Amino acid sequence: DHPLGFGVYLFDYRIEFRAQWGQGRQFGVMIDEVESLMPDAVSLHADGFKRVDYDMLGVARVVH
């Protein structure tokens, strides 16, 4: 769990999203959890997907 109260999760992207978003085990947050506590950390992009600004959460994401 993050100190602000939302979960931090390990997951694998579904097969159809792996080429675009990444292979192997990933970690991240649930947008609805973050949005309820820190709405400024969530934005809606032109592709229709919401995104989290991990820097605002104090979380460093390393891409392998």
C-alpha atoms as a PDB file:
ATOM      1  CA  ASP A   1       0.000   0.000   0.000  1.00  0.00           C
ATOM      2  CA  HIS A   2       1.030   3.567  -0.709  1.00  0.00           C
ATOM      3  CA  PRO A   3       1.270   5.893   2.334  1.00  0.00           C
ATOM      4  CA  LEU A   4      -1.618   7.975   0.938  1.00  0.00           C
ATOM      5  CA  GLY A   5      -3.968   4.986   1.208  1.00  0.00           C
ATOM      6  CA  PHE A   6      -4.256   3.428  -2.248  1.00  0.00           C
ATOM      7  CA  GLY A   7      -2.876   0.068  -3.294  1.00  0.00           C
ATOM      8  CA  VAL A   8       0.232  -0.638  -5.323  1.00  0.00           C
ATOM      9  CA  TYR A   9      -0.169  -3.753  -7.466  1.00  0.00           C
ATOM     10  CA  LEU A  10       1.898  -6.195  -9.490  1.00  0.00           C
ATOM     11  CA  PHE A  11       0.346  -7.245 -12.805  1.00  0.00           C
ATOM     12  CA  ASP A  12       0.951  -8.450 -16.345  1.00  0.00           C
ATOM     13  CA  TYR A  13      -0.673  -6.652 -19.268  1.00  0.00           C
ATOM     14  CA  ARG A  14      -3.113  -8.673 -21.336  1.00  0.00           C
ATOM     15  CA  ILE A  15      -1.536 -10.138 -24.463  1.00  0.00           C
ATOM     16  CA  GLU A  16      -3.110  -7.575 -26.806  1.00  0.00           C
ATOM     17  CA  PHE A  17      -1.529  -4.675 -24.863  1.00  0.00           C
ATOM     18  CA  ARG A  18       1.977  -6.055 -24.277  1.00  0.00           C
ATOM     19  CA  ALA A  19       3.568  -4.738 -27.479  1.00  0.00           C
ATOM     20  CA  GLN A  20       2.374  -1.209 -26.693  1.00  0.00           C
ATOM     21  CA  TRP A  21       2.625  -1.067 -22.889  1.00  0.00           C
ATOM     22  CA  GLY A  22       5.258  -3.617 -21.845  1.00  0.00           C
ATOM     23  CA  GLN A  23       6.224  -7.229 -21.338  1.00  0.00           C
ATOM     24  CA  GLY A  24       6.664  -9.029 -18.055  1.00  0.00           C
ATOM     25  CA  ARG A  25       5.666  -8.143 -14.524  1.00  0.00           C
ATOM     26  CA  GLN A  26       4.692  -4.501 -14.018  1.00  0.00           C
ATOM     27  CA  PHE A  27       3.630  -2.502 -10.999  1.00  0.00           C
ATOM     28  CA  GLY A  28       1.099   0.248 -10.835  1.00  0.00           C
ATOM     29  CA  VAL A  29      -1.932   1.694  -9.131  1.00  0.00           C
ATOM     30  CA  MET A  30      -5.667   1.555  -9.755  1.00  0.00           C
ATOM     31  CA  ILE A  31      -6.742   4.839 -11.279  1.00  0.00           C
ATOM     32  CA  ASP A  32     -10.080   4.910  -9.457  1.00  0.00           C
ATOM     33  CA  GLU A  33      -8.295   4.574  -6.102  1.00  0.00           C
ATOM     34  CA  VAL A  34      -5.825   7.355  -6.922  1.00  0.00           C
ATOM     35  CA  GLU A  35      -8.504   9.575  -8.434  1.00  0.00           C
ATOM     36  CA  SER A  36     -10.590   9.456  -5.247  1.00  0.00           C
ATOM     37  CA  LEU A  37      -7.612  10.581  -3.118  1.00  0.00           C
ATOM     38  CA  MET A  38      -5.499  12.673  -5.535  1.00  0.00           C
ATOM     39  CA  PRO A  39      -7.610  13.700  -8.539  1.00  0.00           C
ATOM     40  CA  ASP A  40      -4.888  16.067  -9.802  1.00  0.00           C
ATOM     41  CA  ALA A  41      -2.613  13.054 -10.376  1.00  0.00           C
ATOM     42  CA  VAL A  42      -5.025  11.618 -12.988  1.00  0.00           C
ATOM     43  CA  SER A  43      -5.543  12.968 -16.493  1.00  0.00           C
ATOM     44  CA  LEU A  44      -7.610  11.932 -19.509  1.00  0.00           C
ATOM     45  CA  HIS A  45      -5.620  11.657 -22.720  1.00  0.00           C
ATOM     46  CA  ALA A  46      -6.796  12.024 -26.310  1.00  0.00           C
ATOM     47  CA  ASP A  47      -6.772   8.225 -26.743  1.00  0.00           C
ATOM     48  CA  GLY A  48      -9.594   7.981 -24.196  1.00  0.00           C
ATOM     49  CA  PHE A  49      -7.497   6.339 -21.473  1.00  0.00           C
ATOM     50  CA  LYS A  50      -6.827   7.888 -18.109  1.00  0.00           C
ATOM     51  CA  ARG A  51      -3.215   8.116 -16.967  1.00  0.00           C
ATOM     52  CA  VAL A  52      -1.556   8.562 -13.601  1.00  0.00           C
ATOM     53  CA  ASP A  53       1.299  10.986 -13.009  1.00  0.00           C
ATOM     54  CA  TYR A  54       3.518   8.742 -10.895  1.00  0.00           C
ATOM     55  CA  ASP A  55       5.835  11.649 -10.065  1.00  0.00           C
ATOM     56  CA  MET A  56       2.956  13.306  -8.194  1.00  0.00           C
ATOM     57  CA  LEU A  57       2.605  10.104  -6.150  1.00  0.00           C
ATOM     58  CA  GLY A  58       6.308  10.076  -5.298  1.00  0.00           C
ATOM     59  CA  VAL A  59       6.727   6.773  -7.124  1.00  0.00           C
ATOM     60  CA  ALA A  60       9.619   6.186  -9.523  1.00  0.00           C
ATOM     61  CA  ARG A  61       8.790   3.767 -12.326  1.00  0.00           C
ATOM     62  CA  VAL A  62      11.723   2.100 -14.064  1.00  0.00           C
ATOM     63  CA  VAL A  63      11.160   0.695 -17.543  1.00  0.00           C
ATOM     64  CA  HIS A  64      13.225  -2.401 -18.332  1.00  0.00           C
END
